[in-house]
Amino acid sequence: MVGKLKINIVIAGRTYPLSVNNTKEEEGMRKAANAINSLITKYEQNYAVSDKQDVLAMCALQFASKLEISSLNKEQDNAETIHKIKELTQLVDTHLK
């Protein structure tokens, strides 16, 4: 069994040593860090923000809200799919009787 990979991730100019299970997880962490750093730069350029903690809070809110909105959309899509399956099942049952 292969041990964990030790990597360093830089977010907002600070380095965080992390352990990951494999190269896919490492890639995901690096992509996430790049997305966070890009968003930090965007917020710093577009808003008068003097405190990194405020910028990081804004980033966290944006990422978390995207996740929640996606989850809500999936729930709605699943409900619609289940409804359509029920309608099709009734249609098939009607034709089989």
PDB file of N, CA and C in Angstrom:
ATOM      1  N   MET A   1       0.854  -1.189   0.000  1.00  0.00           N
ATOM      2  CA  MET A   1       0.000   0.000   0.000  1.00  0.00           C
ATOM      3  C   MET A   1       0.893   1.243   0.000  1.00  0.00           C
ATOM      4  N   VAL A   2       0.564   2.186  -0.814  1.00  0.00           N
ATOM      5  CA  VAL A   2       1.349   3.404  -0.956  1.00  0.00           C
ATOM      6  C   VAL A   2       0.940   4.391   0.134  1.00  0.00           C
ATOM      7  N   GLY A   3       1.939   5.085   0.707  1.00  0.00           N
ATOM      8  CA  GLY A   3       1.651   6.063   1.745  1.00  0.00           C
ATOM      9  C   GLY A   3       1.058   7.333   1.164  1.00  0.00           C
ATOM     10  N   LYS A   4       0.733   8.231   2.036  1.00  0.00           N
ATOM     11  CA  LYS A   4       0.148   9.497   1.614  1.00  0.00           C
ATOM     12  C   LYS A   4       1.223  10.384   0.992  1.00  0.00           C
ATOM     13  N   LEU A   5       0.783  11.208   0.047  1.00  0.00           N
ATOM     14  CA  LEU A   5       1.674  12.172  -0.584  1.00  0.00           C
ATOM     15  C   LEU A   5       1.647  13.455   0.228  1.00  0.00           C
ATOM     16  N   LYS A   6       2.800  14.034   0.448  1.00  0.00           N
ATOM     17  CA  LYS A   6       2.871  15.294   1.171  1.00  0.00           C
ATOM     18  C   LYS A   6       3.043  16.405   0.139  1.00  0.00           C
ATOM     19  N   ILE A   7       2.136  17.379   0.200  1.00  0.00           N
ATOM     20  CA  ILE A   7       2.174  18.499  -0.737  1.00  0.00           C
ATOM     21  C   ILE A   7       2.061  19.803   0.032  1.00  0.00           C
ATOM     22  N   ASN A   8       2.427  20.879  -0.636  1.00  0.00           N
ATOM     23  CA  ASN A   8       2.255  22.224  -0.083  1.00  0.00           C
ATOM     24  C   ASN A   8       1.304  22.990  -0.991  1.00  0.00           C
ATOM     25  N   ILE A   9       0.306  23.583  -0.399  1.00  0.00           N
ATOM     26  CA  ILE A   9      -0.683  24.378  -1.123  1.00  0.00           C
ATOM     27  C   ILE A   9      -0.581  25.817  -0.629  1.00  0.00           C
ATOM     28  N   VAL A  10      -0.544  26.761  -1.568  1.00  0.00           N
ATOM     29  CA  VAL A  10      -0.473  28.175  -1.204  1.00  0.00           C
ATOM     30  C   VAL A  10      -1.830  28.817  -1.454  1.00  0.00           C
ATOM     31  N   ILE A  11      -2.381  29.398  -0.393  1.00  0.00           N
ATOM     32  CA  ILE A  11      -3.648  30.125  -0.485  1.00  0.00           C
ATOM     33  C   ILE A  11      -3.451  31.480   0.178  1.00  0.00           C
ATOM     34  N   ALA A  12      -3.761  32.524  -0.571  1.00  0.00           N
ATOM     35  CA  ALA A  12      -3.644  33.900  -0.073  1.00  0.00           C
ATOM     36  C   ALA A  12      -2.242  34.182   0.458  1.00  0.00           C
ATOM     37  N   GLY A  13      -1.239  33.631  -0.222  1.00  0.00           N
ATOM     38  CA  GLY A  13       0.140  33.907   0.161  1.00  0.00           C
ATOM     39  C   GLY A  13       0.671  33.085   1.324  1.00  0.00           C
ATOM     40  N   ARG A  14      -0.133  32.203   1.872  1.00  0.00           N
ATOM     41  CA  ARG A  14       0.305  31.356   2.982  1.00  0.00           C
ATOM     42  C   ARG A  14       0.390  29.908   2.509  1.00  0.00           C
ATOM     43  N   THR A  15       1.416  29.229   2.962  1.00  0.00           N
ATOM     44  CA  THR A  15       1.637  27.840   2.568  1.00  0.00           C
ATOM     45  C   THR A  15       1.051  26.895   3.603  1.00  0.00           C
ATOM     46  N   TYR A  16       0.328  25.894   3.089  1.00  0.00           N
ATOM     47  CA  TYR A  16      -0.295  24.899   3.959  1.00  0.00           C
ATOM     48  C   TYR A  16       0.203  23.505   3.557  1.00  0.00           C
ATOM     49  N   PRO A  17       0.924  22.833   4.456  1.00  0.00           N
ATOM     50  CA  PRO A  17       1.350  21.467   4.153  1.00  0.00           C
ATOM     51  C   PRO A  17       0.167  20.515   4.345  1.00  0.00           C
ATOM     52  N   LEU A  18      -0.058  19.669   3.356  1.00  0.00           N
ATOM     53  CA  LEU A  18      -1.175  18.737   3.400  1.00  0.00           C
ATOM     54  C   LEU A  18      -0.713  17.340   3.015  1.00  0.00           C
ATOM     55  N   SER A  19      -1.487  16.363   3.414  1.00  0.00           N
ATOM     56  CA  SER A  19      -1.272  14.985   2.973  1.00  0.00           C
ATOM     57  C   SER A  19      -2.478  14.571   2.147  1.00  0.00           C
ATOM     58  N   VAL A  20      -2.217  13.968   0.998  1.00  0.00           N
ATOM     59  CA  VAL A  20      -3.283  13.494   0.124  1.00  0.00           C
ATOM     60  C   VAL A  20      -3.075  12.013  -0.151  1.00  0.00           C
ATOM     61  N   ASN A  21      -4.140  11.348  -0.566  1.00  0.00           N
ATOM     62  CA  ASN A  21      -4.081   9.904  -0.778  1.00  0.00           C
ATOM     63  C   ASN A  21      -3.479   9.491  -2.108  1.00  0.00           C
ATOM     64  N   ASN A  22      -3.669  10.331  -3.141  1.00  0.00           N
ATOM     65  CA  ASN A  22      -3.184   9.959  -4.471  1.00  0.00           C
ATOM     66  C   ASN A  22      -3.037  11.205  -5.342  1.00  0.00           C
ATOM     67  N   THR A  23      -2.571  10.999  -6.584  1.00  0.00           N
ATOM     68  CA  THR A  23      -2.322  12.142  -7.469  1.00  0.00           C
ATOM     69  C   THR A  23      -3.617  12.820  -7.906  1.00  0.00           C
ATOM     70  N   LYS A  24      -4.709  12.065  -7.983  1.00  0.00           N
ATOM     71  CA  LYS A  24      -6.002  12.694  -8.323  1.00  0.00           C
ATOM     72  C   LYS A  24      -6.418  13.668  -7.232  1.00  0.00           C
ATOM     73  N   GLU A  25      -6.259  13.250  -5.997  1.00  0.00           N
ATOM     74  CA  GLU A  25      -6.595  14.125  -4.870  1.00  0.00           C
ATOM     75  C   GLU A  25      -5.676  15.345  -4.866  1.00  0.00           C
ATOM     76  N   GLU A  26      -4.411  15.136  -5.178  1.00  0.00           N
ATOM     77  CA  GLU A  26      -3.471  16.262  -5.262  1.00  0.00           C
ATOM     78  C   GLU A  26      -3.910  17.246  -6.340  1.00  0.00           C
ATOM     79  N   GLU A  27      -4.271  16.720  -7.505  1.00  0.00           N
ATOM     80  CA  GLU A  27      -4.732  17.574  -8.594  1.00  0.00           C
ATOM     81  C   GLU A  27      -5.957  18.379  -8.177  1.00  0.00           C
ATOM     82  N   GLY A  28      -6.892  17.718  -7.497  1.00  0.00           N
ATOM     83  CA  GLY A  28      -8.094  18.408  -7.026  1.00  0.00           C
ATOM     84  C   GLY A  28      -7.768  19.519  -6.047  1.00  0.00           C
ATOM     85  N   MET A  29      -6.848  19.242  -5.124  1.00  0.00           N
ATOM     86  CA  MET A  29      -6.443  20.253  -4.137  1.00  0.00           C
ATOM     87  C   MET A  29      -5.786  21.443  -4.831  1.00  0.00           C
ATOM     88  N   ARG A  30      -4.918  21.165  -5.782  1.00  0.00           N
ATOM     89  CA  ARG A  30      -4.217  22.254  -6.487  1.00  0.00           C
ATOM     90  C   ARG A  30      -5.192  23.090  -7.321  1.00  0.00           C
ATOM     91  N   LYS A  31      -6.136  22.426  -7.968  1.00  0.00           N
ATOM     92  CA  LYS A  31      -7.138  23.170  -8.740  1.00  0.00           C
ATOM     93  C   LYS A  31      -8.004  24.028  -7.829  1.00  0.00           C
ATOM     94  N   ALA A  32      -8.377  23.482  -6.678  1.00  0.00           N
ATOM     95  CA  ALA A  32      -9.184  24.241  -5.721  1.00  0.00           C
ATOM     96  C   ALA A  32      -8.405  25.455  -5.222  1.00  0.00           C
ATOM     97  N   ALA A  33      -7.131  25.252  -4.905  1.00  0.00           N
ATOM     98  CA  ALA A  33      -6.302  26.368  -4.431  1.00  0.00           C
ATOM     99  C   ALA A  33      -6.173  27.441  -5.507  1.00  0.00           C
ATOM    100  N   ASN A  34      -6.002  27.025  -6.754  1.00  0.00           N
ATOM    101  CA  ASN A  34      -5.918  27.994  -7.854  1.00  0.00           C
ATOM    102  C   ASN A  34      -7.222  28.764  -8.004  1.00  0.00           C
ATOM    103  N   ALA A  35      -8.344  28.074  -7.868  1.00  0.00           N
ATOM    104  CA  ALA A  35      -9.641  28.745  -7.962  1.00  0.00           C
ATOM    105  C   ALA A  35      -9.810  29.757  -6.833  1.00  0.00           C
ATOM    106  N   ILE A  36      -9.410  29.372  -5.638  1.00  0.00           N
ATOM    107  CA  ILE A  36      -9.504  30.287  -4.487  1.00  0.00           C
ATOM    108  C   ILE A  36      -8.617  31.498  -4.709  1.00  0.00           C
ATOM    109  N   ASN A  37      -7.370  31.276  -5.121  1.00  0.00           N
ATOM    110  CA  ASN A  37      -6.444  32.387  -5.332  1.00  0.00           C
ATOM    111  C   ASN A  37      -6.916  33.317  -6.446  1.00  0.00           C
ATOM    112  N   SER A  38      -7.514  32.750  -7.506  1.00  0.00           N
ATOM    113  CA  SER A  38      -8.063  33.589  -8.580  1.00  0.00           C
ATOM    114  C   SER A  38      -9.218  34.444  -8.068  1.00  0.00           C
ATOM    115  N   LEU A  39     -10.074  33.840  -7.254  1.00  0.00           N
ATOM    116  CA  LEU A  39     -11.206  34.581  -6.703  1.00  0.00           C
ATOM    117  C   LEU A  39     -10.725  35.666  -5.729  1.00  0.00           C
ATOM    118  N   ILE A  40      -9.698  35.361  -4.946  1.00  0.00           N
ATOM    119  CA  ILE A  40      -9.124  36.360  -4.045  1.00  0.00           C
ATOM    120  C   ILE A  40      -8.642  37.564  -4.841  1.00  0.00           C
ATOM    121  N   THR A  41      -7.921  37.305  -5.916  1.00  0.00           N
ATOM    122  CA  THR A  41      -7.406  38.385  -6.766  1.00  0.00           C
ATOM    123  C   THR A  41      -8.557  39.209  -7.333  1.00  0.00           C
ATOM    124  N   LYS A  42      -9.601  38.524  -7.792  1.00  0.00           N
ATOM    125  CA  LYS A  42     -10.767  39.213  -8.347  1.00  0.00           C
ATOM    126  C   LYS A  42     -11.410  40.120  -7.308  1.00  0.00           C
ATOM    127  N   TYR A  43     -11.625  39.586  -6.102  1.00  0.00           N
ATOM    128  CA  TYR A  43     -12.241  40.391  -5.045  1.00  0.00           C
ATOM    129  C   TYR A  43     -11.362  41.579  -4.655  1.00  0.00           C
ATOM    130  N   GLU A  44     -10.068  41.354  -4.576  1.00  0.00           N
ATOM    131  CA  GLU A  44      -9.167  42.450  -4.198  1.00  0.00           C
ATOM    132  C   GLU A  44      -9.138  43.541  -5.256  1.00  0.00           C
ATOM    133  N   GLN A  45      -9.282  43.162  -6.524  1.00  0.00           N
ATOM    134  CA  GLN A  45      -9.265  44.147  -7.606  1.00  0.00           C
ATOM    135  C   GLN A  45     -10.584  44.913  -7.713  1.00  0.00           C
ATOM    136  N   ASN A  46     -11.683  44.235  -7.384  1.00  0.00           N
ATOM    137  CA  ASN A  46     -12.998  44.837  -7.603  1.00  0.00           C
ATOM    138  C   ASN A  46     -13.645  45.472  -6.380  1.00  0.00           C
ATOM    139  N   TYR A  47     -13.154  45.149  -5.204  1.00  0.00           N
ATOM    140  CA  TYR A  47     -13.753  45.680  -3.981  1.00  0.00           C
ATOM    141  C   TYR A  47     -12.674  46.253  -3.081  1.00  0.00           C
ATOM    142  N   ALA A  48     -13.049  47.225  -2.299  1.00  0.00           N
ATOM    143  CA  ALA A  48     -12.118  47.834  -1.351  1.00  0.00           C
ATOM    144  C   ALA A  48     -12.058  46.960  -0.099  1.00  0.00           C
ATOM    145  N   VAL A  49     -11.268  45.916  -0.165  1.00  0.00           N
ATOM    146  CA  VAL A  49     -11.154  44.985   0.950  1.00  0.00           C
ATOM    147  C   VAL A  49      -9.726  45.069   1.486  1.00  0.00           C
ATOM    148  N   SER A  50      -9.597  45.413   2.751  1.00  0.00           N
ATOM    149  CA  SER A  50      -8.261  45.573   3.319  1.00  0.00           C
ATOM    150  C   SER A  50      -7.809  44.356   4.118  1.00  0.00           C
ATOM    151  N   ASP A  51      -8.723  43.508   4.493  1.00  0.00           N
ATOM    152  CA  ASP A  51      -8.401  42.372   5.352  1.00  0.00           C
ATOM    153  C   ASP A  51      -8.548  41.067   4.574  1.00  0.00           C
ATOM    154  N   LYS A  52      -7.486  40.252   4.566  1.00  0.00           N
ATOM    155  CA  LYS A  52      -7.523  38.954   3.867  1.00  0.00           C
ATOM    156  C   LYS A  52      -8.629  38.057   4.410  1.00  0.00           C
ATOM    157  N   GLN A  53      -8.908  38.163   5.691  1.00  0.00           N
ATOM    158  CA  GLN A  53      -9.952  37.329   6.279  1.00  0.00           C
ATOM    159  C   GLN A  53     -11.306  37.642   5.643  1.00  0.00           C
ATOM    160  N   ASP A  54     -11.574  38.906   5.355  1.00  0.00           N
ATOM    161  CA  ASP A  54     -12.815  39.279   4.685  1.00  0.00           C
ATOM    162  C   ASP A  54     -12.880  38.682   3.283  1.00  0.00           C
ATOM    163  N   VAL A  55     -11.758  38.746   2.572  1.00  0.00           N
ATOM    164  CA  VAL A  55     -11.705  38.189   1.217  1.00  0.00           C
ATOM    165  C   VAL A  55     -11.917  36.674   1.263  1.00  0.00           C
ATOM    166  N   LEU A  56     -11.275  36.016   2.209  1.00  0.00           N
ATOM    167  CA  LEU A  56     -11.427  34.571   2.339  1.00  0.00           C
ATOM    168  C   LEU A  56     -12.861  34.189   2.711  1.00  0.00           C
ATOM    169  N   ALA A  57     -13.489  34.998   3.558  1.00  0.00           N
ATOM    170  CA  ALA A  57     -14.885  34.746   3.918  1.00  0.00           C
ATOM    171  C   ALA A  57     -15.782  34.884   2.689  1.00  0.00           C
ATOM    172  N   MET A  58     -15.518  35.886   1.865  1.00  0.00           N
ATOM    173  CA  MET A  58     -16.303  36.078   0.645  1.00  0.00           C
ATOM    174  C   MET A  58     -16.106  34.893  -0.308  1.00  0.00           C
ATOM    175  N   CYS A  59     -14.877  34.411  -0.417  1.00  0.00           N
ATOM    176  CA  CYS A  59     -14.593  33.240  -1.256  1.00  0.00           C
ATOM    177  C   CYS A  59     -15.334  32.015  -0.729  1.00  0.00           C
ATOM    178  N   ALA A  60     -15.261  31.801   0.572  1.00  0.00           N
ATOM    179  CA  ALA A  60     -15.938  30.650   1.177  1.00  0.00           C
ATOM    180  C   ALA A  60     -17.435  30.715   0.911  1.00  0.00           C
ATOM    181  N   LEU A  61     -18.011  31.894   1.056  1.00  0.00           N
ATOM    182  CA  LEU A  61     -19.436  32.062   0.806  1.00  0.00           C
ATOM    183  C   LEU A  61     -19.781  31.748  -0.644  1.00  0.00           C
ATOM    184  N   GLN A  62     -18.971  32.227  -1.575  1.00  0.00           N
ATOM    185  CA  GLN A  62     -19.261  31.977  -2.987  1.00  0.00           C
ATOM    186  C   GLN A  62     -19.194  30.480  -3.302  1.00  0.00           C
ATOM    187  N   PHE A  63     -18.139  29.809  -2.847  1.00  0.00           N
ATOM    188  CA  PHE A  63     -18.005  28.380  -3.134  1.00  0.00           C
ATOM    189  C   PHE A  63     -19.104  27.561  -2.448  1.00  0.00           C
ATOM    190  N   ALA A  64     -19.397  27.888  -1.205  1.00  0.00           N
ATOM    191  CA  ALA A  64     -20.432  27.150  -0.474  1.00  0.00           C
ATOM    192  C   ALA A  64     -21.807  27.374  -1.090  1.00  0.00           C
ATOM    193  N   SER A  65     -22.095  28.602  -1.504  1.00  0.00           N
ATOM    194  CA  SER A  65     -23.407  28.876  -2.095  1.00  0.00           C
ATOM    195  C   SER A  65     -23.559  28.168  -3.438  1.00  0.00           C
ATOM    196  N   LYS A  66     -22.483  28.087  -4.225  1.00  0.00           N
ATOM    197  CA  LYS A  66     -22.554  27.342  -5.489  1.00  0.00           C
ATOM    198  C   LYS A  66     -22.862  25.874  -5.228  1.00  0.00           C
ATOM    199  N   LEU A  67     -22.242  25.318  -4.210  1.00  0.00           N
ATOM    200  CA  LEU A  67     -22.481  23.920  -3.854  1.00  0.00           C
ATOM    201  C   LEU A  67     -23.930  23.709  -3.422  1.00  0.00           C
ATOM    202  N   GLU A  68     -24.449  24.604  -2.587  1.00  0.00           N
ATOM    203  CA  GLU A  68     -25.829  24.490  -2.109  1.00  0.00           C
ATOM    204  C   GLU A  68     -26.830  24.662  -3.245  1.00  0.00           C
ATOM    205  N   ILE A  69     -26.587  25.624  -4.114  1.00  0.00           N
ATOM    206  CA  ILE A  69     -27.487  25.858  -5.254  1.00  0.00           C
ATOM    207  C   ILE A  69     -27.490  24.632  -6.162  1.00  0.00           C
ATOM    208  N   SER A  70     -26.322  24.069  -6.398  1.00  0.00           N
ATOM    209  CA  SER A  70     -26.216  22.851  -7.212  1.00  0.00           C
ATOM    210  C   SER A  70     -26.995  21.704  -6.577  1.00  0.00           C
ATOM    211  N   SER A  71     -26.885  21.577  -5.264  1.00  0.00           N
ATOM    212  CA  SER A  71     -27.604  20.527  -4.544  1.00  0.00           C
ATOM    213  C   SER A  71     -29.114  20.720  -4.654  1.00  0.00           C
ATOM    214  N   LEU A  72     -29.568  21.955  -4.506  1.00  0.00           N
ATOM    215  CA  LEU A  72     -30.998  22.248  -4.639  1.00  0.00           C
ATOM    216  C   LEU A  72     -31.494  21.945  -6.048  1.00  0.00           C
ATOM    217  N   ASN A  73     -30.691  22.292  -7.049  1.00  0.00           N
ATOM    218  CA  ASN A  73     -31.072  22.011  -8.429  1.00  0.00           C
ATOM    219  C   ASN A  73     -31.151  20.508  -8.687  1.00  0.00           C
ATOM    220  N   LYS A  74     -30.227  19.751  -8.109  1.00  0.00           N
ATOM    221  CA  LYS A  74     -30.249  18.293  -8.270  1.00  0.00           C
ATOM    222  C   LYS A  74     -31.503  17.707  -7.638  1.00  0.00           C
ATOM    223  N   GLU A  75     -31.864  18.207  -6.466  1.00  0.00           N
ATOM    224  CA  GLU A  75     -33.081  17.724  -5.801  1.00  0.00           C
ATOM    225  C   GLU A  75     -34.295  17.964  -6.674  1.00  0.00           C
ATOM    226  N   GLN A  76     -34.369  19.148  -7.276  1.00  0.00           N
ATOM    227  CA  GLN A  76     -35.501  19.480  -8.151  1.00  0.00           C
ATOM    228  C   GLN A  76     -35.480  18.583  -9.383  1.00  0.00           C
ATOM    229  N   ASP A  77     -34.293  18.406  -9.982  1.00  0.00           N
ATOM    230  CA  ASP A  77     -34.175  17.538 -11.157  1.00  0.00           C
ATOM    231  C   ASP A  77     -34.569  16.105 -10.818  1.00  0.00           C
ATOM    232  N   ASN A  78     -34.135  15.624  -9.646  1.00  0.00           N
ATOM    233  CA  ASN A  78     -34.496  14.264  -9.229  1.00  0.00           C
ATOM    234  C   ASN A  78     -35.996  14.122  -9.045  1.00  0.00           C
ATOM    235  N   ALA A  79     -36.631  15.118  -8.455  1.00  0.00           N
ATOM    236  CA  ALA A  79     -38.081  15.073  -8.249  1.00  0.00           C
ATOM    237  C   ALA A  79     -38.803  15.042  -9.595  1.00  0.00           C
ATOM    238  N   GLU A  80     -38.333  15.839 -10.546  1.00  0.00           N
ATOM    239  CA  GLU A  80     -38.944  15.849 -11.877  1.00  0.00           C
ATOM    240  C   GLU A  80     -38.752  14.507 -12.565  1.00  0.00           C
ATOM    241  N   THR A  81     -37.582  13.928 -12.433  1.00  0.00           N
ATOM    242  CA  THR A  81     -37.289  12.627 -13.043  1.00  0.00           C
ATOM    243  C   THR A  81     -38.176  11.548 -12.445  1.00  0.00           C
ATOM    244  N   ILE A  82     -38.303  11.538 -11.136  1.00  0.00           N
ATOM    245  CA  ILE A  82     -39.158  10.554 -10.468  1.00  0.00           C
ATOM    246  C   ILE A  82     -40.610  10.707 -10.930  1.00  0.00           C
ATOM    247  N   HIS A  83     -41.058  11.949 -11.049  1.00  0.00           N
ATOM    248  CA  HIS A  83     -42.425  12.195 -11.516  1.00  0.00           C
ATOM    249  C   HIS A  83     -42.617  11.640 -12.928  1.00  0.00           C
ATOM    250  N   LYS A  84     -41.664  11.875 -13.815  1.00  0.00           N
ATOM    251  CA  LYS A  84     -41.764  11.381 -15.193  1.00  0.00           C
ATOM    252  C   LYS A  84     -41.728   9.857 -15.230  1.00  0.00           C
ATOM    253  N   ILE A  85     -40.900   9.254 -14.392  1.00  0.00           N
ATOM    254  CA  ILE A  85     -40.837   7.790 -14.333  1.00  0.00           C
ATOM    255  C   ILE A  85     -42.182   7.228 -13.878  1.00  0.00           C
ATOM    256  N   LYS A  86     -42.790   7.864 -12.897  1.00  0.00           N
ATOM    257  CA  LYS A  86     -44.104   7.411 -12.424  1.00  0.00           C
ATOM    258  C   LYS A  86     -45.152   7.515 -13.530  1.00  0.00           C
ATOM    259  N   GLU A  87     -45.111   8.633 -14.274  1.00  0.00           N
ATOM    260  CA  GLU A  87     -46.049   8.800 -15.382  1.00  0.00           C
ATOM    261  C   GLU A  87     -45.843   7.719 -16.437  1.00  0.00           C
ATOM    262  N   LEU A  88     -44.597   7.436 -16.779  1.00  0.00           N
ATOM    263  CA  LEU A  88     -44.302   6.403 -17.771  1.00  0.00           C
ATOM    264  C   LEU A  88     -44.716   5.018 -17.271  1.00  0.00           C
ATOM    265  N   THR A  89     -44.499   4.770 -15.998  1.00  0.00           N
ATOM    266  CA  THR A  89     -44.894   3.492 -15.405  1.00  0.00           C
ATOM    267  C   THR A  89     -46.405   3.314 -15.490  1.00  0.00           C
ATOM    268  N   GLN A  90     -47.144   4.368 -15.192  1.00  0.00           N
ATOM    269  CA  GLN A  90     -48.606   4.310 -15.292  1.00  0.00           C
ATOM    270  C   GLN A  90     -49.041   4.072 -16.736  1.00  0.00           C
ATOM    271  N   LEU A  91     -48.369   4.727 -17.670  1.00  0.00           N
ATOM    272  CA  LEU A  91     -48.695   4.561 -19.083  1.00  0.00           C
ATOM    273  C   LEU A  91     -48.446   3.118 -19.531  1.00  0.00           C
ATOM    274  N   VAL A  92     -47.309   2.562 -19.129  1.00  0.00           N
ATOM    275  CA  VAL A  92     -46.986   1.175 -19.465  1.00  0.00           C
ATOM    276  C   VAL A  92     -47.995   0.229 -18.810  1.00  0.00           C
ATOM    277  N   ASP A  93     -48.303   0.463 -17.549  1.00  0.00           N
ATOM    278  CA  ASP A  93     -49.285  -0.377 -16.847  1.00  0.00           C
ATOM    279  C   ASP A  93     -50.640  -0.350 -17.548  1.00  0.00           C
ATOM    280  N   THR A  94     -51.047   0.823 -17.984  1.00  0.00           N
ATOM    281  CA  THR A  94     -52.320   0.976 -18.679  1.00  0.00           C
ATOM    282  C   THR A  94     -52.342   0.150 -19.959  1.00  0.00           C
ATOM    283  N   HIS A  95     -51.265   0.139 -20.701  1.00  0.00           N
ATOM    284  CA  HIS A  95     -51.205  -0.591 -21.960  1.00  0.00           C
ATOM    285  C   HIS A  95     -51.035  -2.095 -21.770  1.00  0.00           C
ATOM    286  N   LEU A  96     -50.519  -2.503 -20.630  1.00  0.00           N
ATOM    287  CA  LEU A  96     -50.311  -3.918 -20.363  1.00  0.00           C
ATOM    288  C   LEU A  96     -51.571  -4.588 -19.833  1.00  0.00           C
ATOM    289  N   LYS A  97     -52.505  -3.817 -19.333  1.00  0.00           N
ATOM    290  CA  LYS A  97     -53.742  -4.393 -18.754  1.00  0.00           C
ATOM    291  C   LYS A  97     -54.741  -4.724 -19.811  1.00  0.00           C
TER     292      LYS A  97
END
